[in-house]
Amino acid sequence: MNEQAVITGIGVVCAVGRTPDDVWDALLSGKCGARRIDIGEFPCRSAATTACPTPQELNIHQRDVRIMNTHSYLLMESAVKAYKAAHIENSPEITPDEIGFFAGLPMVDYEIADLIGAVAKSSAADGGFDPNVFYKSGYREIYPLWPLSMLNNIALCQSSVKLKIRGENAVFSAHGDSGVSAIAEGVRAALSGRAKIALAGGVSEKITPSSLARASIAGVLNTCKDESCRPFSSQRCGTIPGDGAGFLAIETLSSATSRGVSPLAAITGWGRAFGIEGELFSGPTSAAIKNAMTAALSMASLNPADIDLLIAHGDGTAAGDKNEIEAVNCLFQSCPVSVISTKGALGSLYAAAAPLDTAVAAYVIKTGLIPPSLYSTPIDEAVRFDIVTQAPLQKHVVRVMINSHSYEGQAASLIVERVK
């Protein structure tokens, strides 16, 4: 029998919970993490925010705080939880050089507070900004390592130091497809023997005026009075941002068995494709979405009829949902598939979306329950598949497909299965 790559640990943090069990219970009960935000004059007034862990809670030295930010803390919390859940610290046979680390990471914005001192010291006689003063002396008010704070891989480095990880590693940026890429690389590292175990996952963007401005320019934010994200609904009006992180510990089934660790689910295939039409921020075309799903099925040696549940990208945008509806209708036209999206509850998590959805998939396979997709009714009349709404659906689930997309045209799909 061919070796399988399996999940042996999960660490998550998001608007509805800080443990996999808490997130699962929240999704089953229909809890929504969205709340009102007051960040600048943006028409989107809702986001699924989470309480960020403090440096003290994570035992981060004060000297490191100035080059870290929200995404760093979320990454560290979820990665540490996945590490501990997989009992890596109790496996002395796994050395630091044999632990891989792969992450989908977001764009990182500078903090105004980091520069305000230099600006204040660079005033002209008329009260304006004097660049000559800035370059002569004002710049000295900027922390020397400040540029490092805007490198997204600093978050991976700091967590690697904390966990003493020295194995193969990589960072993927910055949207939903990057979370799939990180997981795929973790699977490759485990199956090829380049790592005995790998931590793989992703982190969302910090919700700031800059991140909201990017999403506003892309035209994907919900700006209606109804501030919900409504995946596949005829009343959908855009997405809402969310923040969070999710990480998985991935190793071979034989490794898990030898360590006495119970596998939660297997990752058997993934696929990626690109396609865009019209404006840059319209998301992937229906053909690209279908191609990514087809590639994932091919890698896993499966047919569409083998998929019991699709956790769709379903971000509630007009173009994004339209293209995904067309792709799912086409691929699954001759076989019924249950479909949900978690974005109604968790918001748009970018690189963290696929890892969190993978955690959800593992729980679905374990429990035989599918949580409802929030705010999807009334369902778009173009939908030809079964969207689970209102209440959890009891169903024997063996295989789950997960879709995750970017606004620039990338489509990615992942397949999670019951361990054989």
Protein backbone atom coordinates (compact mmCIF):
# COMPACT_ATOMS: atom_id res chain seq x y z
CA MET A 1 0.00 0.00 0.00
CA ASN A 2 1.29 3.46 -0.84
CA GLU A 3 2.30 5.66 2.07
CA GLN A 4 -0.18 8.29 3.19
CA ALA A 5 0.45 11.79 4.52
CA VAL A 6 -1.70 12.27 7.60
CA ILE A 7 -2.61 15.08 9.98
CA THR A 8 -1.57 14.39 13.57
CA GLY A 9 -2.02 17.80 15.16
CA ILE A 10 -4.13 20.91 14.64
CA GLY A 11 -3.75 24.43 16.00
CA VAL A 12 -6.30 27.14 15.21
CA VAL A 13 -7.30 30.58 16.35
CA CYS A 14 -10.11 32.63 14.83
CA ALA A 15 -13.15 34.75 15.67
CA VAL A 16 -15.22 31.84 17.03
CA GLY A 17 -12.60 29.92 19.00
CA ARG A 18 -8.99 29.30 19.95
CA THR A 19 -9.02 25.49 19.86
CA PRO A 20 -10.23 23.04 17.20
CA ASP A 21 -12.97 21.79 19.55
CA ASP A 22 -14.20 25.32 20.28
CA VAL A 23 -14.26 26.26 16.59
CA TRP A 24 -16.08 23.06 15.72
CA ASP A 25 -18.72 23.56 18.41
CA ALA A 26 -19.22 27.15 17.27
CA LEU A 27 -19.73 26.13 13.64
CA LEU A 28 -22.19 23.40 14.59
CA SER A 29 -24.21 25.84 16.68
CA GLY A 30 -24.30 28.44 13.91
CA LYS A 31 -22.19 31.00 15.75
CA CYS A 32 -20.98 33.96 13.68
CA GLY A 33 -17.73 35.72 14.55
CA ALA A 34 -18.56 38.96 12.73
CA ARG A 35 -18.80 42.18 14.71
CA ARG A 36 -18.82 45.90 14.09
CA ILE A 37 -15.46 47.58 13.50
CA ASP A 38 -14.48 51.22 13.49
CA ILE A 39 -11.39 51.52 11.31
CA GLY A 40 -11.35 54.63 9.15
CA GLU A 41 -14.06 55.78 6.78
CA PHE A 42 -14.64 52.51 4.95
CA PRO A 43 -18.11 51.45 3.85
CA CYS A 44 -17.47 47.93 5.17
CA ARG A 45 -18.26 48.13 8.89
CA SER A 46 -18.09 44.46 9.86
CA ALA A 47 -15.26 41.96 10.37
CA ALA A 48 -14.72 38.59 12.07
CA THR A 49 -12.00 39.67 14.47
CA THR A 50 -10.29 37.66 17.16
CA ALA A 51 -8.51 38.66 20.35
CA CYS A 52 -4.81 38.59 19.59
CA PRO A 53 -2.54 36.83 22.10
CA THR A 54 -0.14 39.14 23.88
CA PRO A 55 3.65 38.81 23.72
CA GLN A 56 3.58 37.96 27.42
CA GLU A 57 1.17 35.08 26.85
CA LEU A 58 3.48 33.71 24.17
CA ASN A 59 6.64 34.33 26.21
CA ILE A 60 8.11 36.58 23.53
CA HIS A 61 11.15 38.58 24.60
CA GLN A 62 10.60 42.33 24.61
CA ARG A 63 13.43 42.88 22.12
CA ASP A 64 11.51 40.85 19.52
CA VAL A 65 8.18 42.61 19.95
CA ARG A 66 9.17 45.58 17.79
CA ILE A 67 9.59 43.39 14.70
CA MET A 68 6.42 41.37 15.27
CA ASN A 69 2.74 42.13 14.86
CA THR A 70 -0.71 40.54 15.01
CA HIS A 71 -0.05 38.01 12.24
CA SER A 72 3.16 36.93 14.01
CA TYR A 73 1.34 36.26 17.26
CA LEU A 74 -1.51 34.39 15.56
CA LEU A 75 0.98 32.25 13.64
CA MET A 76 2.99 31.46 16.75
CA GLU A 77 -0.07 30.55 18.82
CA SER A 78 -1.54 28.20 16.21
CA ALA A 79 1.81 26.64 15.25
CA VAL A 80 2.71 25.96 18.88
CA LYS A 81 -0.70 24.36 19.43
CA ALA A 82 -0.29 22.10 16.38
CA TYR A 83 3.23 21.17 17.54
CA LYS A 84 1.97 20.21 20.98
CA ALA A 85 -1.13 18.42 19.68
CA ALA A 86 1.12 16.17 17.57
CA HIS A 87 3.25 15.39 20.66
CA ILE A 88 6.43 16.33 18.83
CA GLU A 89 8.11 17.36 22.09
CA ASN A 90 7.62 13.77 23.32
CA SER A 91 9.36 12.29 20.28
CA PRO A 92 13.13 12.60 20.82
CA GLU A 93 13.72 10.60 17.66
CA ILE A 94 12.61 13.67 15.66
CA THR A 95 15.42 16.20 15.63
CA PRO A 96 14.97 19.95 14.94
CA ASP A 97 16.61 19.47 11.53
CA GLU A 98 13.89 16.96 10.59
CA ILE A 99 10.93 19.28 11.26
CA GLY A 100 9.68 21.27 8.26
CA PHE A 101 7.79 24.55 8.47
CA PHE A 102 5.63 25.94 5.66
CA ALA A 103 3.27 28.91 5.85
CA GLY A 104 0.96 31.00 3.74
CA LEU A 105 1.57 34.52 4.99
CA PRO A 106 -0.14 37.83 4.33
CA MET A 107 0.92 41.25 3.20
CA VAL A 108 2.26 43.21 6.17
CA ASP A 109 1.61 46.93 6.60
CA TYR A 110 3.76 49.39 8.48
CA GLU A 111 2.47 50.94 11.68
CA ILE A 112 2.18 54.73 11.75
CA ALA A 113 3.50 54.70 15.32
CA ASP A 114 6.81 53.34 14.00
CA LEU A 115 7.37 56.48 11.91
CA ILE A 116 5.62 59.27 13.78
CA GLY A 117 8.67 60.07 15.91
CA ALA A 118 10.86 60.55 12.85
CA VAL A 119 8.22 62.72 11.20
CA ALA A 120 7.91 64.89 14.31
CA LYS A 121 11.69 65.38 14.38
CA SER A 122 11.72 66.40 10.71
CA SER A 123 9.50 69.46 10.83
CA ALA A 124 10.14 72.47 8.61
CA ALA A 125 9.86 76.06 9.82
CA ASP A 126 6.32 76.28 8.45
CA GLY A 127 5.31 73.14 10.28
CA GLY A 128 5.51 70.89 7.22
CA PHE A 129 7.80 67.94 6.60
CA ASP A 130 11.43 68.75 5.73
CA PRO A 131 13.13 65.82 3.95
CA ASN A 132 16.56 67.40 4.48
CA VAL A 133 16.07 67.31 8.24
CA PHE A 134 14.73 63.78 7.99
CA TYR A 135 17.77 62.45 6.13
CA LYS A 136 20.16 64.39 8.35
CA SER A 137 18.84 63.43 11.75
CA GLY A 138 15.12 62.65 11.88
CA TYR A 139 15.50 59.14 10.53
CA ARG A 140 17.38 58.18 13.68
CA GLU A 141 14.06 58.04 15.50
CA ILE A 142 13.13 54.95 13.47
CA TYR A 143 13.99 51.65 15.12
CA PRO A 144 16.98 50.24 13.17
CA LEU A 145 15.33 46.85 12.61
CA TRP A 146 11.99 48.41 11.62
CA PRO A 147 12.17 47.22 7.97
CA LEU A 148 12.23 43.62 9.24
CA SER A 149 8.76 44.09 10.71
CA MET A 150 7.31 44.36 7.20
CA LEU A 151 8.82 41.07 6.00
CA ASN A 152 6.13 38.44 6.36
CA ASN A 153 8.68 35.64 6.77
CA ILE A 154 9.82 37.18 10.08
CA ALA A 155 6.73 35.59 11.63
CA LEU A 156 7.88 32.16 10.43
CA CYS A 157 11.42 32.81 11.67
CA GLN A 158 10.33 33.84 15.15
CA SER A 159 8.10 30.80 15.54
CA SER A 160 10.89 28.55 14.24
CA VAL A 161 13.22 29.91 16.89
CA LYS A 162 10.62 29.38 19.63
CA LEU A 163 9.94 25.78 18.56
CA LYS A 164 13.60 25.08 17.70
CA ILE A 165 12.68 24.09 14.14
CA ARG A 166 15.64 23.95 11.75
CA GLY A 167 14.29 21.87 8.88
CA GLU A 168 13.16 22.70 5.37
CA ASN A 169 10.90 25.74 5.24
CA ALA A 170 9.18 28.13 2.86
CA VAL A 171 6.72 31.02 2.83
CA PHE A 172 3.91 31.45 0.31
CA SER A 173 2.07 34.74 -0.22
CA ALA A 174 -0.54 35.99 0.28
CA HIS A 175 -4.12 34.92 -0.53
CA GLY A 176 -6.26 31.82 -0.09
CA ASP A 177 -4.31 29.69 -2.55
CA SER A 178 -1.11 30.16 -0.50
CA GLY A 179 -2.58 28.17 2.39
CA VAL A 180 -3.11 25.23 0.03
CA SER A 181 0.45 25.65 -1.29
CA ALA A 182 1.87 25.52 2.23
CA ILE A 183 -0.06 22.35 3.07
CA ALA A 184 0.94 20.74 -0.23
CA GLU A 185 4.60 21.50 0.46
CA GLY A 186 4.28 20.01 3.93
CA VAL A 187 2.86 16.81 2.41
CA ARG A 188 5.66 16.68 -0.18
CA ALA A 189 8.31 17.12 2.50
CA ALA A 190 6.85 14.32 4.62
CA LEU A 191 6.33 11.85 1.77
CA SER A 192 9.76 12.47 0.25
CA GLY A 193 11.54 12.08 3.57
CA ARG A 194 12.87 15.64 3.53
CA ALA A 195 11.10 16.07 6.85
CA LYS A 196 9.90 13.52 9.39
CA ILE A 197 7.11 15.90 10.30
CA ALA A 198 6.05 19.29 8.98
CA LEU A 199 4.02 22.15 10.34
CA ALA A 200 1.99 23.71 7.54
CA GLY A 201 -0.71 26.36 7.53
CA GLY A 202 -1.44 30.01 7.07
CA VAL A 203 -2.29 33.34 8.66
CA SER A 204 -4.71 36.10 7.74
CA GLU A 205 -3.92 39.75 7.20
CA LYS A 206 -4.15 42.14 10.11
CA ILE A 207 -7.32 44.18 9.67
CA THR A 208 -6.00 47.73 9.20
CA PRO A 209 -6.90 50.78 7.12
CA SER A 210 -4.35 49.60 4.54
CA SER A 211 -5.77 46.07 4.29
CA LEU A 212 -9.31 47.42 4.06
CA ALA A 213 -8.19 49.86 1.35
CA ARG A 214 -6.73 46.98 -0.70
CA ALA A 215 -9.94 44.99 -0.40
CA SER A 216 -11.99 48.09 -1.23
CA ILE A 217 -9.94 48.69 -4.38
CA ALA A 218 -10.51 45.05 -5.30
CA GLY A 219 -14.24 45.66 -4.88
CA VAL A 220 -14.83 42.57 -2.76
CA LEU A 221 -16.02 44.03 0.55
CA ASN A 222 -19.62 44.02 1.69
CA THR A 223 -20.81 47.62 1.64
CA CYS A 224 -24.54 46.95 2.07
CA LYS A 225 -26.73 47.54 5.11
CA ASP A 226 -26.74 43.78 5.65
CA GLU A 227 -23.19 43.40 6.94
CA SER A 228 -23.06 39.60 6.67
CA CYS A 229 -21.00 37.52 4.29
CA ARG A 230 -23.66 35.50 2.41
CA PRO A 231 -21.99 32.68 0.41
CA PHE A 232 -23.98 31.60 -2.66
CA SER A 233 -27.00 33.64 -1.61
CA SER A 234 -29.07 35.55 -4.14
CA GLN A 235 -28.72 38.45 -1.68
CA ARG A 236 -24.93 38.30 -1.41
CA CYS A 237 -23.26 41.68 -1.31
CA GLY A 238 -19.54 40.99 -0.84
CA THR A 239 -17.24 39.49 1.73
CA ILE A 240 -16.12 40.64 5.16
CA PRO A 241 -12.54 40.36 6.43
CA GLY A 242 -11.59 37.99 9.21
CA ASP A 243 -8.42 37.34 11.13
CA GLY A 244 -7.02 34.07 12.40
CA ALA A 245 -4.54 31.30 11.74
CA GLY A 246 -4.48 27.55 11.30
CA PHE A 247 -1.63 25.04 11.31
CA LEU A 248 -1.44 21.30 10.80
CA ALA A 249 1.20 18.79 11.83
CA ILE A 250 1.73 16.48 8.84
CA GLU A 251 3.70 13.23 8.70
CA THR A 252 3.50 9.81 7.10
CA LEU A 253 1.09 7.25 8.46
CA SER A 254 3.99 4.92 9.30
CA SER A 255 5.67 7.71 11.27
CA ALA A 256 2.48 8.41 13.22
CA THR A 257 2.01 4.69 13.92
CA SER A 258 5.59 4.29 15.16
CA ARG A 259 5.17 7.29 17.47
CA GLY A 260 1.84 6.03 18.79
CA VAL A 261 -0.02 9.14 17.59
CA SER A 262 -3.53 8.78 16.18
CA PRO A 263 -3.95 10.28 12.69
CA LEU A 264 -6.91 12.60 12.22
CA ALA A 265 -7.23 12.54 8.43
CA ALA A 266 -5.15 12.07 5.29
CA ILE A 267 -4.27 14.61 2.61
CA THR A 268 -4.29 12.86 -0.74
CA GLY A 269 -4.40 15.46 -3.49
CA TRP A 270 -4.28 19.07 -4.52
CA GLY A 271 -4.52 21.10 -7.66
CA ARG A 272 -3.93 24.66 -8.78
CA ALA A 273 -4.91 26.69 -11.82
CA PHE A 274 -5.03 30.28 -12.97
CA GLY A 275 -7.47 32.15 -15.11
CA ILE A 276 -8.85 35.65 -15.15
CA GLU A 277 -11.07 37.65 -17.42
CA GLY A 278 -12.00 41.30 -17.42
CA GLU A 279 -10.65 43.30 -14.51
CA LEU A 280 -7.74 42.11 -12.38
CA PHE A 281 -9.74 41.61 -9.19
CA SER A 282 -12.55 39.47 -10.55
CA GLY A 283 -11.10 36.27 -9.09
CA PRO A 284 -10.44 33.01 -10.98
CA THR A 285 -12.62 32.06 -13.92
CA SER A 286 -15.01 29.14 -13.66
CA ALA A 287 -12.67 27.19 -15.96
CA ALA A 288 -9.72 27.80 -13.62
CA ILE A 289 -11.75 26.72 -10.59
CA LYS A 290 -12.86 23.56 -12.37
CA ASN A 291 -9.29 22.84 -13.52
CA ALA A 292 -7.96 23.12 -9.97
CA MET A 293 -10.63 20.74 -8.67
CA THR A 294 -10.00 18.32 -11.53
CA ALA A 295 -6.25 18.35 -10.89
CA ALA A 296 -6.81 17.57 -7.20
CA LEU A 297 -9.08 14.66 -8.11
CA SER A 298 -6.52 13.35 -10.58
CA MET A 299 -3.69 13.43 -8.03
CA ALA A 300 -5.86 11.56 -5.53
CA SER A 301 -7.03 9.08 -8.22
CA LEU A 302 -10.65 10.01 -7.57
CA ASN A 303 -13.76 10.90 -9.53
CA PRO A 304 -16.24 13.67 -8.68
CA ALA A 305 -18.67 11.06 -7.38
CA ASP A 306 -16.12 10.11 -4.69
CA ILE A 307 -16.38 13.52 -3.00
CA ASP A 308 -18.92 13.62 -0.15
CA LEU A 309 -18.48 17.28 0.84
CA LEU A 310 -17.10 20.39 -0.80
CA ILE A 311 -15.98 23.19 1.52
CA ALA A 312 -16.17 25.92 -1.07
CA HIS A 313 -14.27 29.18 -1.23
CA GLY A 314 -17.70 30.86 -1.18
CA ASP A 315 -16.72 34.40 -0.21
CA GLY A 316 -20.08 36.02 -0.94
CA THR A 317 -18.82 38.22 -3.79
CA ALA A 318 -20.91 38.54 -6.92
CA ALA A 319 -18.25 37.42 -9.41
CA GLY A 320 -16.43 34.96 -7.15
CA ASP A 321 -19.53 32.99 -6.17
CA LYS A 322 -20.88 33.11 -9.73
CA ASN A 323 -17.74 31.50 -11.14
CA GLU A 324 -17.54 28.90 -8.39
CA ILE A 325 -21.22 28.01 -8.85
CA GLU A 326 -20.62 27.46 -12.56
CA ALA A 327 -17.54 25.31 -11.91
CA VAL A 328 -19.19 23.15 -9.24
CA ASN A 329 -22.36 22.75 -11.34
CA CYS A 330 -20.25 21.53 -14.24
CA LEU A 331 -17.92 19.18 -12.36
CA PHE A 332 -20.58 17.63 -10.14
CA GLN A 333 -23.49 17.73 -12.59
CA SER A 334 -24.04 13.98 -12.55
CA CYS A 335 -23.36 13.34 -8.85
CA PRO A 336 -24.84 15.10 -5.82
CA VAL A 337 -22.37 16.74 -3.46
CA SER A 338 -23.01 18.56 -0.21
CA VAL A 339 -21.50 22.06 -0.09
CA ILE A 340 -20.74 24.57 2.66
CA SER A 341 -18.68 27.72 3.09
CA THR A 342 -17.26 28.76 6.47
CA LYS A 343 -16.86 32.44 5.52
CA GLY A 344 -20.29 33.38 6.80
CA ALA A 345 -18.98 32.50 10.27
CA LEU A 346 -15.25 33.21 10.00
CA GLY A 347 -14.97 35.95 7.37
CA SER A 348 -12.37 35.95 4.61
CA LEU A 349 -9.16 34.61 6.16
CA TYR A 350 -6.89 34.67 3.10
CA ALA A 351 -3.97 32.25 3.69
CA ALA A 352 -5.58 30.90 6.88
CA ALA A 353 -8.80 29.83 5.13
CA ALA A 354 -7.65 26.49 3.70
CA PRO A 355 -5.88 25.31 6.89
CA LEU A 356 -8.94 26.13 9.00
CA ASP A 357 -11.22 24.45 6.47
CA THR A 358 -8.92 21.42 6.56
CA ALA A 359 -9.39 21.26 10.32
CA VAL A 360 -13.15 21.43 9.76
CA ALA A 361 -12.88 18.62 7.18
CA ALA A 362 -11.08 16.40 9.69
CA TYR A 363 -13.87 16.93 12.22
CA VAL A 364 -16.56 16.26 9.62
CA ILE A 365 -14.90 12.95 8.75
CA LYS A 366 -14.55 12.06 12.43
CA THR A 367 -18.07 12.96 13.56
CA GLY A 368 -20.25 12.46 10.49
CA LEU A 369 -21.71 15.94 10.96
CA ILE A 370 -21.57 18.81 8.46
CA PRO A 371 -21.96 22.29 9.97
CA PRO A 372 -24.35 24.68 8.22
CA SER A 373 -23.27 27.43 5.87
CA LEU A 374 -24.41 30.68 7.47
CA TYR A 375 -26.46 33.32 5.66
CA SER A 376 -26.63 31.37 2.36
CA THR A 377 -30.41 31.63 2.07
CA PRO A 378 -32.15 32.51 -0.11
CA ILE A 379 -29.87 30.42 -2.32
CA ASP A 380 -28.87 31.73 -5.75
CA GLU A 381 -31.18 30.19 -8.35
CA ALA A 382 -28.14 29.15 -10.43
CA VAL A 383 -27.03 26.67 -7.75
CA ARG A 384 -27.51 23.03 -8.76
CA PHE A 385 -25.89 21.45 -5.71
CA ASP A 386 -26.97 20.91 -2.11
CA ILE A 387 -25.87 23.71 0.20
CA VAL A 388 -26.19 22.72 3.85
CA THR A 389 -28.03 25.49 5.70
CA GLN A 390 -30.06 26.07 8.88
CA ALA A 391 -28.80 23.05 10.84
CA PRO A 392 -25.97 20.45 10.83
CA LEU A 393 -26.41 17.58 8.39
CA GLN A 394 -25.65 14.05 9.50
CA LYS A 395 -23.80 12.22 6.74
CA HIS A 396 -21.14 9.54 6.42
CA VAL A 397 -18.23 11.49 4.95
CA VAL A 398 -15.09 9.82 3.65
CA ARG A 399 -13.65 12.51 1.37
CA VAL A 400 -13.78 16.30 1.48
CA MET A 401 -12.64 18.75 -1.17
CA ILE A 402 -11.60 22.27 -0.14
CA ASN A 403 -11.47 25.26 -2.50
CA SER A 404 -9.48 28.41 -1.83
CA HIS A 405 -8.95 31.31 -4.25
CA SER A 406 -7.28 34.67 -4.68
CA TYR A 407 -8.76 37.83 -6.15
CA GLU A 408 -5.97 37.87 -8.75
CA GLY A 409 -7.10 34.68 -10.50
CA GLN A 410 -5.45 31.78 -8.64
CA ALA A 411 -7.62 28.79 -7.79
CA ALA A 412 -6.51 25.95 -5.52
CA SER A 413 -8.19 22.76 -4.31
CA LEU A 414 -7.23 20.22 -1.65
CA ILE A 415 -8.58 16.76 -0.85
CA VAL A 416 -8.83 15.39 2.70
CA GLU A 417 -9.80 11.75 3.30
CA ARG A 418 -10.50 9.31 6.05
CA VAL A 419 -7.29 7.45 6.91
CA LYS A 420 -7.20 4.04 5.27
